[in-house]
Amino acid sequence: EEVKLNKKDAKKAMENKEAEAEKAKADAPKPAEDPAKKLKKVIKEGGKRGVEIEGAADMGGLQFFCTSVDEPEGDVELLTKCVEAMNAKSDPTEEERKGGSGHIGKMVFSVGAEHLAVLAYVPEEKQAELSCAEWLETVLKTQPGHKMLTQDKSVSTGIIPTDSDKNIFPLKIREPLILEANNFLRKKGLFPEDNGDSGDECVFGDDDFPS
């Protein structure tokens, strides 16, 4: 009887030990991802999103597009690489199309733990109609603590830091900022009028497209 009990106790102790090891593993900080692998994922997402943007914009006659990406995780440098992949010329010889949306102006958002990263891109042929830096600043300044990082005719970047005291969380503010970006374009006559349909930034109904 005592032997059985000891076996039972030993098994229980072993299980507890395993559970503790699992918990420690879960609590341990994740090792940093290999930068080369991360960049590859970022570029892949950008290339794929570029094709989607080109399709949606061409179908709806849109000159500008607002969207968000996941892989950069709020890293402005990676977000820039992601948008470069969106804008890269499509190679017709490649089996899987990538990029191809360099002719479409865009504002791209990326959620990170520390902040929301935002990049505005305006192609050369649209720069007379829209100031890239002004578009981005108009969107960023709706939130306290925003920072403009770079300002250029083609590409401008900025961040909005997380501030739990002021209830500013990247995921929470992203959608209102996309609406803000689109409204700025509407005021300049560069984006279709909203007919009251609530649509996601990547989904457009027939009413959203100018006929």
N, C-alpha and C. Protein backbone atom coordinates (compact mmCIF):
# COMPACT_ATOMS: atom_id res chain seq x y z
N GLU A 1 0.84 -1.21 0.00
CA GLU A 1 0.00 0.00 0.00
C GLU A 1 0.88 1.27 0.00
N GLU A 2 1.91 1.21 0.86
CA GLU A 2 2.80 2.36 0.98
C GLU A 2 3.56 2.61 -0.33
N VAL A 3 3.96 1.52 -0.98
CA VAL A 3 4.68 1.62 -2.25
C VAL A 3 3.80 2.29 -3.29
N LYS A 4 2.54 1.83 -3.32
CA LYS A 4 1.58 2.41 -4.28
C LYS A 4 1.46 3.92 -4.06
N LEU A 5 1.32 4.27 -2.79
CA LEU A 5 1.15 5.67 -2.44
C LEU A 5 2.36 6.50 -2.89
N ASN A 6 3.55 5.91 -2.63
CA ASN A 6 4.77 6.61 -3.03
C ASN A 6 4.82 6.83 -4.54
N LYS A 7 4.38 5.78 -5.25
CA LYS A 7 4.36 5.90 -6.72
C LYS A 7 3.41 7.02 -7.14
N LYS A 8 2.24 7.03 -6.45
CA LYS A 8 1.23 8.05 -6.74
C LYS A 8 1.79 9.45 -6.48
N ASP A 9 2.44 9.58 -5.29
CA ASP A 9 3.02 10.88 -4.92
C ASP A 9 4.10 11.30 -5.92
N ALA A 10 4.91 10.33 -6.29
CA ALA A 10 6.00 10.61 -7.23
C ALA A 10 5.42 11.09 -8.57
N LYS A 11 4.33 10.42 -8.99
CA LYS A 11 3.70 10.80 -10.27
C LYS A 11 3.14 12.23 -10.19
N LYS A 12 2.49 12.50 -9.02
CA LYS A 12 1.90 13.82 -8.82
C LYS A 12 2.99 14.90 -8.81
N ALA A 13 4.09 14.59 -8.08
CA ALA A 13 5.20 15.55 -8.01
C ALA A 13 5.78 15.80 -9.40
N MET A 14 5.85 14.74 -10.18
CA MET A 14 6.38 14.84 -11.55
C MET A 14 5.48 15.73 -12.40
N GLU A 15 4.17 15.50 -12.25
CA GLU A 15 3.20 16.29 -13.02
C GLU A 15 3.29 17.77 -12.64
N ASN A 16 3.41 18.02 -11.32
CA ASN A 16 3.53 19.40 -10.84
C ASN A 16 4.77 20.07 -11.41
N LYS A 17 5.85 19.29 -11.43
CA LYS A 17 7.12 19.80 -11.94
C LYS A 17 6.99 20.17 -13.42
N GLU A 18 6.32 19.26 -14.17
CA GLU A 18 6.11 19.51 -15.61
C GLU A 18 5.26 20.76 -15.83
N ALA A 19 4.19 20.87 -15.00
CA ALA A 19 3.29 22.03 -15.13
C ALA A 19 4.05 23.33 -14.85
N GLU A 20 4.92 23.28 -13.81
CA GLU A 20 5.71 24.46 -13.48
C GLU A 20 6.69 24.82 -14.61
N ALA A 21 7.27 23.78 -15.18
CA ALA A 21 8.22 24.00 -16.29
C ALA A 21 7.51 24.63 -17.48
N GLU A 22 6.28 24.14 -17.76
CA GLU A 22 5.48 24.68 -18.87
C GLU A 22 5.15 26.15 -18.62
N LYS A 23 4.77 26.43 -17.34
CA LYS A 23 4.41 27.81 -16.99
C LYS A 23 5.62 28.73 -17.14
N ALA A 24 6.77 28.26 -16.65
CA ALA A 24 7.99 29.07 -16.76
C ALA A 24 8.32 29.35 -18.22
N LYS A 25 8.08 28.32 -19.06
CA LYS A 25 8.33 28.45 -20.49
C LYS A 25 7.41 29.51 -21.10
N ALA A 26 6.14 29.46 -20.67
CA ALA A 26 5.15 30.40 -21.19
C ALA A 26 5.44 31.83 -20.73
N ASP A 27 5.93 31.94 -19.47
CA ASP A 27 6.20 33.26 -18.91
C ASP A 27 7.51 33.87 -19.41
N ALA A 28 8.40 33.00 -19.84
CA ALA A 28 9.72 33.49 -20.27
C ALA A 28 9.58 34.39 -21.49
N PRO A 29 10.39 35.44 -21.57
CA PRO A 29 10.29 36.32 -22.76
C PRO A 29 10.65 35.54 -24.01
N LYS A 30 9.89 35.81 -25.06
CA LYS A 30 10.15 35.10 -26.32
C LYS A 30 11.51 35.52 -26.88
N PRO A 31 12.27 34.56 -27.40
CA PRO A 31 13.55 34.97 -28.00
C PRO A 31 13.28 35.84 -29.23
N ALA A 32 14.12 36.81 -29.42
CA ALA A 32 13.92 37.72 -30.56
C ALA A 32 13.98 36.93 -31.87
N GLU A 33 13.04 37.26 -32.76
CA GLU A 33 13.00 36.56 -34.05
C GLU A 33 14.20 36.96 -34.90
N ASP A 34 14.71 36.01 -35.64
CA ASP A 34 15.84 36.27 -36.54
C ASP A 34 15.46 37.42 -37.48
N PRO A 35 16.21 38.54 -37.46
CA PRO A 35 15.85 39.71 -38.27
C PRO A 35 15.65 39.39 -39.75
N ALA A 36 16.47 38.48 -40.28
CA ALA A 36 16.36 38.14 -41.72
C ALA A 36 15.03 37.45 -42.00
N LYS A 37 14.63 36.55 -41.08
CA LYS A 37 13.35 35.84 -41.24
C LYS A 37 12.19 36.82 -41.11
N LYS A 38 12.31 37.72 -40.14
CA LYS A 38 11.25 38.71 -39.90
C LYS A 38 11.09 39.60 -41.13
N LEU A 39 12.21 40.06 -41.68
CA LEU A 39 12.16 40.93 -42.86
C LEU A 39 11.49 40.20 -44.03
N LYS A 40 11.79 38.92 -44.16
CA LYS A 40 11.20 38.12 -45.24
C LYS A 40 9.67 38.08 -45.11
N LYS A 41 9.21 37.90 -43.86
CA LYS A 41 7.75 37.87 -43.60
C LYS A 41 7.12 39.23 -43.91
N VAL A 42 7.82 40.29 -43.50
CA VAL A 42 7.33 41.67 -43.72
C VAL A 42 7.18 41.94 -45.22
N ILE A 43 8.21 41.57 -45.99
CA ILE A 43 8.21 41.80 -47.44
C ILE A 43 7.14 40.95 -48.12
N LYS A 44 6.97 39.73 -47.62
CA LYS A 44 5.94 38.84 -48.20
C LYS A 44 4.55 39.43 -47.99
N GLU A 45 4.30 39.92 -46.75
CA GLU A 45 2.99 40.53 -46.47
C GLU A 45 2.78 41.77 -47.33
N GLY A 46 3.83 42.59 -47.47
CA GLY A 46 3.73 43.80 -48.28
C GLY A 46 3.43 43.49 -49.74
N GLY A 47 4.14 42.50 -50.29
CA GLY A 47 3.93 42.11 -51.68
C GLY A 47 2.51 41.64 -51.94
N LYS A 48 2.01 40.83 -51.00
CA LYS A 48 0.64 40.30 -51.12
C LYS A 48 -0.40 41.41 -50.99
N ARG A 49 -0.17 42.29 -49.99
CA ARG A 49 -1.13 43.39 -49.77
C ARG A 49 -1.12 44.36 -50.94
N GLY A 50 0.04 44.54 -51.58
CA GLY A 50 0.12 45.42 -52.75
C GLY A 50 -0.80 44.96 -53.87
N VAL A 51 -0.83 43.64 -54.09
CA VAL A 51 -1.71 43.07 -55.13
C VAL A 51 -3.17 43.31 -54.77
N GLU A 52 -3.50 43.10 -53.48
CA GLU A 52 -4.89 43.30 -53.02
C GLU A 52 -5.31 44.76 -53.18
N ILE A 53 -4.41 45.68 -52.82
CA ILE A 53 -4.71 47.12 -52.92
C ILE A 53 -4.92 47.50 -54.38
N GLU A 54 -4.03 47.01 -55.23
CA GLU A 54 -4.14 47.34 -56.66
C GLU A 54 -5.49 46.87 -57.21
N GLY A 55 -5.87 45.65 -56.83
CA GLY A 55 -7.15 45.09 -57.31
C GLY A 55 -8.35 45.89 -56.83
N ALA A 56 -8.37 46.17 -55.51
CA ALA A 56 -9.52 46.89 -54.92
C ALA A 56 -9.58 48.33 -55.44
N ALA A 57 -8.41 48.96 -55.54
CA ALA A 57 -8.38 50.36 -55.98
C ALA A 57 -8.76 50.50 -57.45
N ASP A 58 -8.23 49.60 -58.28
CA ASP A 58 -8.56 49.66 -59.71
C ASP A 58 -10.04 49.38 -59.94
N MET A 59 -10.57 48.44 -59.19
CA MET A 59 -11.98 48.08 -59.36
C MET A 59 -12.88 49.26 -58.97
N GLY A 60 -12.44 49.99 -57.93
CA GLY A 60 -13.28 51.09 -57.45
C GLY A 60 -12.84 52.46 -57.93
N GLY A 61 -11.86 52.51 -58.80
CA GLY A 61 -11.38 53.79 -59.29
C GLY A 61 -10.77 54.65 -58.19
N LEU A 62 -10.14 54.00 -57.21
CA LEU A 62 -9.57 54.75 -56.08
C LEU A 62 -8.12 55.16 -56.38
N GLN A 63 -7.78 56.38 -55.96
CA GLN A 63 -6.40 56.85 -56.12
C GLN A 63 -5.62 56.68 -54.83
N PHE A 64 -6.37 56.52 -53.71
CA PHE A 64 -5.74 56.40 -52.40
C PHE A 64 -6.40 55.26 -51.62
N PHE A 65 -5.65 54.71 -50.69
CA PHE A 65 -6.13 53.53 -49.97
C PHE A 65 -5.53 53.53 -48.57
N CYS A 66 -6.33 53.21 -47.57
CA CYS A 66 -5.83 53.11 -46.19
C CYS A 66 -6.00 51.67 -45.71
N THR A 67 -4.98 51.15 -45.08
CA THR A 67 -5.03 49.75 -44.64
C THR A 67 -4.08 49.54 -43.47
N SER A 68 -4.05 48.31 -42.94
CA SER A 68 -3.10 48.02 -41.86
C SER A 68 -2.38 46.71 -42.18
N VAL A 69 -1.19 46.56 -41.60
CA VAL A 69 -0.40 45.34 -41.78
C VAL A 69 0.01 44.81 -40.41
N ASP A 70 0.23 43.50 -40.32
CA ASP A 70 0.52 42.87 -39.03
C ASP A 70 2.01 42.65 -38.77
N GLU A 71 2.72 42.17 -39.79
CA GLU A 71 4.09 41.69 -39.57
C GLU A 71 5.08 42.73 -39.01
N PRO A 72 5.02 44.00 -39.43
CA PRO A 72 6.00 44.95 -38.87
C PRO A 72 5.85 45.17 -37.36
N GLU A 73 4.67 44.88 -36.80
CA GLU A 73 4.42 44.99 -35.35
C GLU A 73 4.87 46.33 -34.78
N GLY A 74 4.52 47.39 -35.49
CA GLY A 74 4.80 48.74 -34.98
C GLY A 74 6.20 49.24 -35.22
N ASP A 75 7.04 48.44 -35.89
CA ASP A 75 8.42 48.87 -36.18
C ASP A 75 8.40 49.73 -37.45
N VAL A 76 8.77 51.00 -37.32
CA VAL A 76 8.66 51.95 -38.45
C VAL A 76 9.56 51.53 -39.61
N GLU A 77 10.75 51.05 -39.28
CA GLU A 77 11.68 50.63 -40.34
C GLU A 77 11.10 49.45 -41.14
N LEU A 78 10.54 48.49 -40.42
CA LEU A 78 9.94 47.32 -41.10
C LEU A 78 8.67 47.72 -41.86
N LEU A 79 7.92 48.68 -41.30
CA LEU A 79 6.72 49.17 -41.99
C LEU A 79 7.12 49.82 -43.32
N THR A 80 8.24 50.55 -43.31
CA THR A 80 8.73 51.18 -44.54
C THR A 80 9.08 50.11 -45.57
N LYS A 81 9.74 49.05 -45.13
CA LYS A 81 10.10 47.94 -46.03
C LYS A 81 8.84 47.27 -46.58
N CYS A 82 7.84 47.15 -45.73
CA CYS A 82 6.57 46.52 -46.12
C CYS A 82 5.89 47.33 -47.23
N VAL A 83 5.87 48.66 -47.06
CA VAL A 83 5.24 49.53 -48.06
C VAL A 83 6.06 49.54 -49.36
N GLU A 84 7.38 49.45 -49.23
CA GLU A 84 8.23 49.37 -50.44
C GLU A 84 7.86 48.11 -51.24
N ALA A 85 7.58 47.02 -50.52
CA ALA A 85 7.18 45.77 -51.20
C ALA A 85 5.81 45.91 -51.85
N MET A 86 4.93 46.69 -51.23
CA MET A 86 3.60 46.94 -51.82
C MET A 86 3.74 47.71 -53.13
N ASN A 87 4.70 48.64 -53.13
CA ASN A 87 4.85 49.55 -54.27
C ASN A 87 5.76 49.00 -55.37
N ALA A 88 6.46 47.90 -55.08
CA ALA A 88 7.40 47.35 -56.06
C ALA A 88 6.66 46.96 -57.33
N LYS A 89 7.32 47.14 -58.47
CA LYS A 89 6.69 46.76 -59.75
C LYS A 89 6.50 45.26 -59.80
N SER A 90 5.33 44.83 -60.26
CA SER A 90 5.06 43.40 -60.38
C SER A 90 5.89 42.82 -61.52
N ASP A 91 6.44 41.64 -61.26
CA ASP A 91 7.20 40.95 -62.30
C ASP A 91 6.25 39.94 -62.96
N PRO A 92 5.88 40.20 -64.23
CA PRO A 92 4.90 39.31 -64.89
C PRO A 92 5.40 37.88 -65.06
N THR A 93 6.72 37.68 -64.95
CA THR A 93 7.26 36.32 -65.14
C THR A 93 7.14 35.48 -63.87
N GLU A 94 6.89 36.15 -62.74
CA GLU A 94 6.80 35.39 -61.49
C GLU A 94 5.45 34.70 -61.39
N GLU A 95 5.47 33.50 -60.81
CA GLU A 95 4.25 32.71 -60.67
C GLU A 95 3.25 33.42 -59.76
N GLU A 96 3.76 33.93 -58.62
CA GLU A 96 2.88 34.63 -57.68
C GLU A 96 3.12 36.13 -57.81
N ARG A 97 2.05 36.87 -58.16
CA ARG A 97 2.21 38.31 -58.32
C ARG A 97 2.45 38.97 -56.98
N LYS A 98 3.29 40.00 -56.99
CA LYS A 98 3.58 40.73 -55.75
C LYS A 98 3.64 42.21 -56.06
N GLY A 99 3.25 43.03 -55.08
CA GLY A 99 3.37 44.49 -55.23
C GLY A 99 2.42 45.05 -56.27
N GLY A 100 2.91 46.02 -57.03
CA GLY A 100 2.12 46.58 -58.13
C GLY A 100 1.23 47.74 -57.77
N SER A 101 1.34 48.27 -56.52
CA SER A 101 0.42 49.36 -56.16
C SER A 101 1.15 50.69 -55.95
N GLY A 102 2.29 50.85 -56.63
CA GLY A 102 3.08 52.08 -56.49
C GLY A 102 2.37 53.33 -57.01
N HIS A 103 1.35 53.14 -57.86
CA HIS A 103 0.64 54.30 -58.41
C HIS A 103 -0.50 54.76 -57.51
N ILE A 104 -0.71 54.01 -56.40
CA ILE A 104 -1.82 54.33 -55.48
C ILE A 104 -1.25 54.92 -54.19
N GLY A 105 -1.72 56.11 -53.82
CA GLY A 105 -1.31 56.72 -52.55
C GLY A 105 -1.88 55.88 -51.41
N LYS A 106 -1.17 55.83 -50.29
CA LYS A 106 -1.69 54.99 -49.21
C LYS A 106 -1.24 55.47 -47.84
N MET A 107 -2.06 55.14 -46.86
CA MET A 107 -1.65 55.31 -45.48
C MET A 107 -1.76 53.93 -44.84
N VAL A 108 -0.64 53.50 -44.24
CA VAL A 108 -0.58 52.14 -43.72
C VAL A 108 -0.27 52.19 -42.22
N PHE A 109 -1.04 51.41 -41.47
CA PHE A 109 -0.93 51.40 -40.01
C PHE A 109 -0.38 50.06 -39.54
N SER A 110 0.43 50.09 -38.49
CA SER A 110 0.95 48.84 -37.91
C SER A 110 0.94 48.94 -36.39
N VAL A 111 0.24 48.00 -35.76
CA VAL A 111 0.07 47.99 -34.31
C VAL A 111 1.26 47.31 -33.63
N GLY A 112 1.84 48.00 -32.66
CA GLY A 112 2.89 47.42 -31.82
C GLY A 112 2.48 47.55 -30.36
N ALA A 113 3.21 46.92 -29.47
CA ALA A 113 2.88 47.00 -28.04
C ALA A 113 3.12 48.41 -27.51
N GLU A 114 4.21 49.03 -27.98
CA GLU A 114 4.62 50.34 -27.47
C GLU A 114 3.89 51.51 -28.15
N HIS A 115 3.57 51.32 -29.43
CA HIS A 115 2.95 52.42 -30.18
C HIS A 115 2.29 51.92 -31.47
N LEU A 116 1.54 52.82 -32.07
CA LEU A 116 0.98 52.58 -33.41
C LEU A 116 1.90 53.30 -34.39
N ALA A 117 2.41 52.57 -35.37
CA ALA A 117 3.26 53.19 -36.40
C ALA A 117 2.39 53.49 -37.62
N VAL A 118 2.62 54.65 -38.22
CA VAL A 118 1.82 55.05 -39.38
C VAL A 118 2.75 55.59 -40.47
N LEU A 119 2.50 55.15 -41.70
CA LEU A 119 3.29 55.64 -42.84
C LEU A 119 2.34 56.13 -43.92
N ALA A 120 2.63 57.32 -44.43
CA ALA A 120 1.85 57.87 -45.55
C ALA A 120 2.74 57.86 -46.79
N TYR A 121 2.15 57.43 -47.90
CA TYR A 121 2.90 57.40 -49.17
C TYR A 121 2.07 58.09 -50.24
N VAL A 122 2.69 59.04 -50.95
CA VAL A 122 2.01 59.74 -52.05
C VAL A 122 2.89 59.63 -53.29
N PRO A 123 2.38 58.97 -54.35
CA PRO A 123 3.20 58.86 -55.57
C PRO A 123 3.44 60.23 -56.20
N GLU A 124 4.52 60.31 -56.97
CA GLU A 124 4.94 61.60 -57.54
C GLU A 124 3.82 62.32 -58.29
N GLU A 125 3.05 61.54 -59.07
CA GLU A 125 2.01 62.18 -59.89
C GLU A 125 0.83 62.72 -59.08
N LYS A 126 0.77 62.39 -57.77
CA LYS A 126 -0.34 62.88 -56.92
C LYS A 126 0.12 63.98 -55.96
N GLN A 127 1.43 64.28 -55.97
CA GLN A 127 1.97 65.19 -54.96
C GLN A 127 1.50 66.64 -55.10
N ALA A 128 1.06 67.00 -56.29
CA ALA A 128 0.53 68.36 -56.49
C ALA A 128 -0.84 68.49 -55.81
N GLU A 129 -1.55 67.36 -55.70
CA GLU A 129 -2.90 67.37 -55.12
C GLU A 129 -2.89 67.15 -53.61
N LEU A 130 -1.85 66.46 -53.11
CA LEU A 130 -1.85 66.08 -51.70
C LEU A 130 -0.45 66.14 -51.11
N SER A 131 -0.33 66.84 -49.97
CA SER A 131 0.95 66.88 -49.25
C SER A 131 1.00 65.65 -48.34
N CYS A 132 2.01 64.85 -48.55
CA CYS A 132 2.18 63.62 -47.78
C CYS A 132 2.29 63.92 -46.28
N ALA A 133 3.16 64.87 -45.93
CA ALA A 133 3.39 65.21 -44.51
C ALA A 133 2.12 65.79 -43.87
N GLU A 134 1.40 66.64 -44.61
CA GLU A 134 0.19 67.26 -44.06
C GLU A 134 -0.88 66.19 -43.80
N TRP A 135 -1.02 65.25 -44.74
CA TRP A 135 -2.00 64.16 -44.59
C TRP A 135 -1.70 63.37 -43.31
N LEU A 136 -0.43 62.99 -43.14
CA LEU A 136 -0.06 62.20 -41.97
C LEU A 136 -0.24 63.01 -40.68
N GLU A 137 0.22 64.25 -40.69
CA GLU A 137 0.14 65.05 -39.47
C GLU A 137 -1.30 65.30 -39.05
N THR A 138 -2.18 65.50 -40.03
CA THR A 138 -3.61 65.71 -39.72
C THR A 138 -4.18 64.50 -38.98
N VAL A 139 -3.76 63.32 -39.39
CA VAL A 139 -4.25 62.09 -38.77
C VAL A 139 -3.61 61.89 -37.39
N LEU A 140 -2.29 62.07 -37.30
CA LEU A 140 -1.59 61.84 -36.03
C LEU A 140 -2.04 62.80 -34.94
N LYS A 141 -2.26 64.07 -35.31
CA LYS A 141 -2.51 65.07 -34.26
C LYS A 141 -3.89 64.92 -33.59
N THR A 142 -4.68 63.97 -34.05
CA THR A 142 -5.96 63.71 -33.37
C THR A 142 -5.71 63.00 -32.03
N GLN A 143 -4.47 62.51 -31.83
CA GLN A 143 -4.13 61.79 -30.60
C GLN A 143 -2.98 62.50 -29.88
N PRO A 144 -3.06 62.60 -28.53
CA PRO A 144 -1.96 63.23 -27.79
C PRO A 144 -0.69 62.37 -27.84
N GLY A 145 0.45 63.04 -27.75
CA GLY A 145 1.73 62.31 -27.68
C GLY A 145 2.28 61.87 -29.02
N HIS A 146 1.59 62.23 -30.11
CA HIS A 146 2.04 61.77 -31.44
C HIS A 146 3.40 62.36 -31.80
N LYS A 147 4.14 61.65 -32.63
CA LYS A 147 5.45 62.14 -33.08
C LYS A 147 5.58 61.92 -34.58
N MET A 148 5.93 62.99 -35.28
CA MET A 148 6.28 62.87 -36.70
C MET A 148 7.75 62.47 -36.74
N LEU A 149 8.08 61.38 -37.42
CA LEU A 149 9.47 60.92 -37.45
C LEU A 149 10.19 61.38 -38.72
N THR A 150 9.54 61.22 -39.87
CA THR A 150 10.15 61.68 -41.12
C THR A 150 9.09 62.40 -41.95
N GLN A 151 9.52 63.41 -42.68
CA GLN A 151 8.61 64.16 -43.55
C GLN A 151 9.23 64.30 -44.92
N ASP A 152 8.51 63.81 -45.91
CA ASP A 152 9.03 63.89 -47.27
C ASP A 152 7.83 63.96 -48.22
N LYS A 153 8.08 64.39 -49.45
CA LYS A 153 6.99 64.47 -50.44
C LYS A 153 6.37 63.10 -50.72
N SER A 154 7.22 62.07 -50.72
CA SER A 154 6.73 60.73 -51.07
C SER A 154 6.33 59.91 -49.86
N VAL A 155 7.20 59.90 -48.85
CA VAL A 155 6.95 59.05 -47.68
C VAL A 155 7.16 59.85 -46.39
N SER A 156 6.16 59.79 -45.51
CA SER A 156 6.29 60.39 -44.18
C SER A 156 5.89 59.34 -43.15
N THR A 157 6.56 59.37 -41.99
CA THR A 157 6.26 58.37 -40.97
C THR A 157 6.06 59.03 -39.61
N GLY A 158 5.32 58.34 -38.76
CA GLY A 158 5.10 58.85 -37.41
C GLY A 158 4.59 57.75 -36.51
N ILE A 159 4.53 58.06 -35.21
CA ILE A 159 4.01 57.08 -34.25
C ILE A 159 3.08 57.76 -33.25
N ILE A 160 2.20 56.96 -32.66
CA ILE A 160 1.38 57.41 -31.54
C ILE A 160 1.64 56.43 -30.40
N PRO A 161 2.33 56.88 -29.33
CA PRO A 161 2.66 55.97 -28.25
C PRO A 161 1.43 55.50 -27.46
N THR A 162 1.53 54.28 -26.95
CA THR A 162 0.50 53.75 -26.06
C THR A 162 0.51 54.58 -24.78
N ASP A 163 -0.69 54.93 -24.30
CA ASP A 163 -0.80 55.67 -23.04
C ASP A 163 -2.04 55.19 -22.31
N SER A 164 -1.83 54.24 -21.40
CA SER A 164 -2.99 53.63 -20.73
C SER A 164 -3.75 54.64 -19.87
N ASP A 165 -3.04 55.67 -19.34
CA ASP A 165 -3.72 56.69 -18.53
C ASP A 165 -4.72 57.48 -19.36
N LYS A 166 -4.38 57.67 -20.63
CA LYS A 166 -5.29 58.44 -21.50
C LYS A 166 -6.14 57.53 -22.39
N ASN A 167 -6.09 56.23 -22.09
CA ASN A 167 -6.88 55.24 -22.84
C ASN A 167 -6.49 55.19 -24.32
N ILE A 168 -5.20 55.34 -24.57
CA ILE A 168 -4.70 55.28 -25.96
C ILE A 168 -3.99 53.95 -26.16
N PHE A 169 -4.63 53.09 -26.91
CA PHE A 169 -4.06 51.78 -27.23
C PHE A 169 -4.05 51.62 -28.75
N PRO A 170 -2.91 51.20 -29.32
CA PRO A 170 -2.78 51.13 -30.79
C PRO A 170 -3.95 50.45 -31.50
N LEU A 171 -4.39 49.31 -30.97
CA LEU A 171 -5.46 48.56 -31.64
C LEU A 171 -6.78 49.32 -31.60
N LYS A 172 -6.98 50.04 -30.51
CA LYS A 172 -8.23 50.76 -30.30
C LYS A 172 -8.34 52.00 -31.20
N ILE A 173 -7.20 52.68 -31.39
CA ILE A 173 -7.26 53.95 -32.14
C ILE A 173 -7.08 53.75 -33.65
N ARG A 174 -6.68 52.55 -34.08
CA ARG A 174 -6.36 52.34 -35.50
C ARG A 174 -7.56 52.63 -36.41
N GLU A 175 -8.72 52.04 -36.12
CA GLU A 175 -9.88 52.23 -37.00
C GLU A 175 -10.33 53.69 -37.09
N PRO A 176 -10.46 54.40 -35.94
CA PRO A 176 -10.83 55.83 -36.05
C PRO A 176 -9.83 56.64 -36.87
N LEU A 177 -8.56 56.27 -36.80
CA LEU A 177 -7.55 57.01 -37.57
C LEU A 177 -7.66 56.73 -39.07
N ILE A 178 -8.04 55.50 -39.42
CA ILE A 178 -8.26 55.17 -40.84
C ILE A 178 -9.41 56.02 -41.38
N LEU A 179 -10.46 56.17 -40.56
CA LEU A 179 -11.59 57.03 -40.97
C LEU A 179 -11.14 58.47 -41.12
N GLU A 180 -10.31 58.92 -40.19
CA GLU A 180 -9.78 60.29 -40.22
C GLU A 180 -8.98 60.52 -41.51
N ALA A 181 -8.15 59.53 -41.87
CA ALA A 181 -7.34 59.63 -43.09
C ALA A 181 -8.22 59.72 -44.33
N ASN A 182 -9.28 58.88 -44.36
CA ASN A 182 -10.20 58.90 -45.51
C ASN A 182 -10.99 60.21 -45.58
N ASN A 183 -11.38 60.73 -44.41
CA ASN A 183 -12.15 61.98 -44.39
C ASN A 183 -11.31 63.15 -44.91
N PHE A 184 -10.02 63.14 -44.59
CA PHE A 184 -9.13 64.20 -45.09
C PHE A 184 -9.07 64.16 -46.62
N LEU A 185 -9.03 62.94 -47.15
CA LEU A 185 -9.01 62.78 -48.62
C LEU A 185 -10.33 63.24 -49.24
N ARG A 186 -11.43 62.92 -48.54
CA ARG A 186 -12.76 63.32 -49.06
C ARG A 186 -12.85 64.84 -49.18
N LYS A 187 -12.34 65.54 -48.16
CA LYS A 187 -12.39 67.01 -48.17
C LYS A 187 -11.65 67.57 -49.37
N LYS A 188 -10.65 66.85 -49.83
CA LYS A 188 -9.87 67.31 -50.98
C LYS A 188 -10.40 66.72 -52.29
N GLY A 189 -11.51 65.99 -52.19
CA GLY A 189 -12.10 65.39 -53.40
C GLY A 189 -11.29 64.24 -53.97
N LEU A 190 -10.50 63.58 -53.11
CA LEU A 190 -9.62 62.51 -53.59
C LEU A 190 -10.10 61.12 -53.18
N PHE A 191 -11.28 61.07 -52.56
CA PHE A 191 -11.79 59.77 -52.10
C PHE A 191 -13.30 59.80 -52.27
N PRO A 192 -13.92 58.67 -52.66
CA PRO A 192 -15.39 58.65 -52.85
C PRO A 192 -16.13 59.08 -51.59
N GLU A 193 -17.26 59.74 -51.78
CA GLU A 193 -18.08 60.15 -50.64
C GLU A 193 -18.64 58.93 -49.94
N ASP A 194 -18.77 59.04 -48.61
CA ASP A 194 -19.34 57.96 -47.82
C ASP A 194 -20.86 58.13 -47.83
N ASN A 195 -21.56 57.07 -48.26
CA ASN A 195 -23.02 57.16 -48.31
C ASN A 195 -23.69 56.57 -47.08
N GLY A 196 -22.94 56.56 -45.99
CA GLY A 196 -23.54 56.05 -44.75
C GLY A 196 -23.30 54.58 -44.53
N ASP A 197 -22.72 53.90 -45.49
CA ASP A 197 -22.42 52.48 -45.29
C ASP A 197 -21.17 52.39 -44.43
N SER A 198 -21.23 51.54 -43.40
CA SER A 198 -20.00 51.39 -42.61
C SER A 198 -19.24 50.24 -43.21
N GLY A 199 -18.08 50.53 -43.74
CA GLY A 199 -17.28 49.48 -44.39
C GLY A 199 -15.91 49.41 -43.77
N ASP A 200 -15.33 48.28 -43.83
CA ASP A 200 -13.97 48.08 -43.33
C ASP A 200 -13.02 48.66 -44.37
N GLU A 201 -11.80 48.95 -43.96
CA GLU A 201 -10.92 49.68 -44.88
C GLU A 201 -10.59 48.90 -46.14
N CYS A 202 -10.74 47.59 -46.09
CA CYS A 202 -10.38 46.79 -47.26
C CYS A 202 -11.60 46.32 -48.03
N VAL A 203 -12.79 46.62 -47.51
CA VAL A 203 -13.99 46.11 -48.16
C VAL A 203 -14.84 47.28 -48.62
N PHE A 204 -15.19 47.29 -49.87
CA PHE A 204 -15.98 48.38 -50.42
C PHE A 204 -17.25 47.82 -51.02
N GLY A 205 -18.37 48.49 -50.75
CA GLY A 205 -19.63 48.10 -51.39
C GLY A 205 -19.78 48.90 -52.67
N ASP A 206 -20.79 48.55 -53.47
CA ASP A 206 -21.02 49.26 -54.73
C ASP A 206 -21.20 50.76 -54.51
N ASP A 207 -21.81 51.10 -53.37
CA ASP A 207 -22.09 52.51 -53.10
C ASP A 207 -20.82 53.33 -52.87
N ASP A 208 -19.75 52.63 -52.50
CA ASP A 208 -18.50 53.35 -52.21
C ASP A 208 -17.74 53.72 -53.47
N PHE A 209 -18.16 53.17 -54.59
CA PHE A 209 -17.40 53.41 -55.82
C PHE A 209 -18.10 54.45 -56.69
N PRO A 210 -17.35 55.43 -57.16
CA PRO A 210 -17.98 56.39 -58.08
C PRO A 210 -18.35 55.69 -59.37
N SER A 211 -19.54 55.98 -59.90
CA SER A 211 -19.94 55.26 -61.13
C SER A 211 -19.36 55.95 -62.34
